[in-house]
Amino acid sequence: MYLLAIKTLETYWEDAEKGGRKSIPHSTFLMECDRVKSDKGYVLHYLKHVG
């Protein structure tokens, strides 16, 4: 599970509306997103990535 920044999503969304790619490449998640894992009893400990 990855935490995708809204700006990145908006960029891909706008490109798709203009006829561009309709998906986000896996490499984007690996290079630009924080990976969210289980931690301290939480199934997805996303709060430490938000801020």
Protein backbone atom coordinates (compact mmCIF):
# COMPACT_ATOMS: atom_id res chain seq x y z
CA MET A 1 0.00 0.00 0.00
CA TYR A 2 1.37 3.41 -0.92
CA LEU A 3 0.42 6.93 0.10
CA LEU A 4 0.01 8.95 -3.11
CA ALA A 5 0.22 12.74 -2.93
CA ILE A 6 -2.88 14.50 -4.24
CA LYS A 7 -0.72 16.65 -6.55
CA THR A 8 0.63 13.51 -8.24
CA LEU A 9 -2.89 12.13 -8.61
CA GLU A 10 -4.12 15.43 -10.07
CA THR A 11 -1.32 15.44 -12.64
CA TYR A 12 -2.16 11.93 -13.87
CA TRP A 13 -5.91 12.68 -13.75
CA GLU A 14 -5.54 15.80 -15.91
CA ASP A 15 -3.31 13.98 -18.39
CA ALA A 16 -5.87 11.16 -18.66
CA GLU A 17 -8.67 13.64 -19.33
CA LYS A 18 -6.60 15.03 -22.22
CA GLY A 19 -6.33 11.57 -23.77
CA GLY A 20 -3.13 10.50 -22.06
CA ARG A 21 -2.29 7.47 -20.01
CA LYS A 22 -5.18 6.09 -17.92
CA SER A 23 -3.05 4.51 -15.22
CA ILE A 24 -0.24 5.48 -12.88
CA PRO A 25 3.01 3.59 -13.51
CA HIS A 26 4.29 1.35 -10.73
CA SER A 27 7.61 3.21 -10.88
CA THR A 28 5.82 6.38 -9.73
CA PHE A 29 4.72 4.63 -6.57
CA LEU A 30 8.22 3.30 -5.94
CA MET A 31 9.97 6.64 -6.48
CA GLU A 32 7.45 9.26 -5.29
CA CYS A 33 5.24 7.63 -2.66
CA ASP A 34 5.65 6.49 0.93
CA ARG A 35 5.02 2.80 1.49
CA VAL A 36 2.53 2.21 4.29
CA LYS A 37 2.96 -0.98 6.32
CA SER A 38 1.53 -2.57 9.44
CA ASP A 39 3.13 -1.15 12.56
CA LYS A 40 2.44 -1.00 16.29
CA GLY A 41 -0.75 -3.02 15.99
CA TYR A 42 -2.26 -0.88 13.23
CA VAL A 43 -3.24 -2.64 10.01
CA LEU A 44 -2.11 0.40 7.99
CA HIS A 45 -0.09 2.89 10.01
CA TYR A 46 -0.57 5.83 7.61
CA LEU A 47 -0.63 8.67 10.15
CA LYS A 48 3.16 8.79 10.49
CA HIS A 49 3.29 9.63 6.75
CA VAL A 50 0.72 12.42 6.90
CA GLY A 51 1.78 15.81 7.99
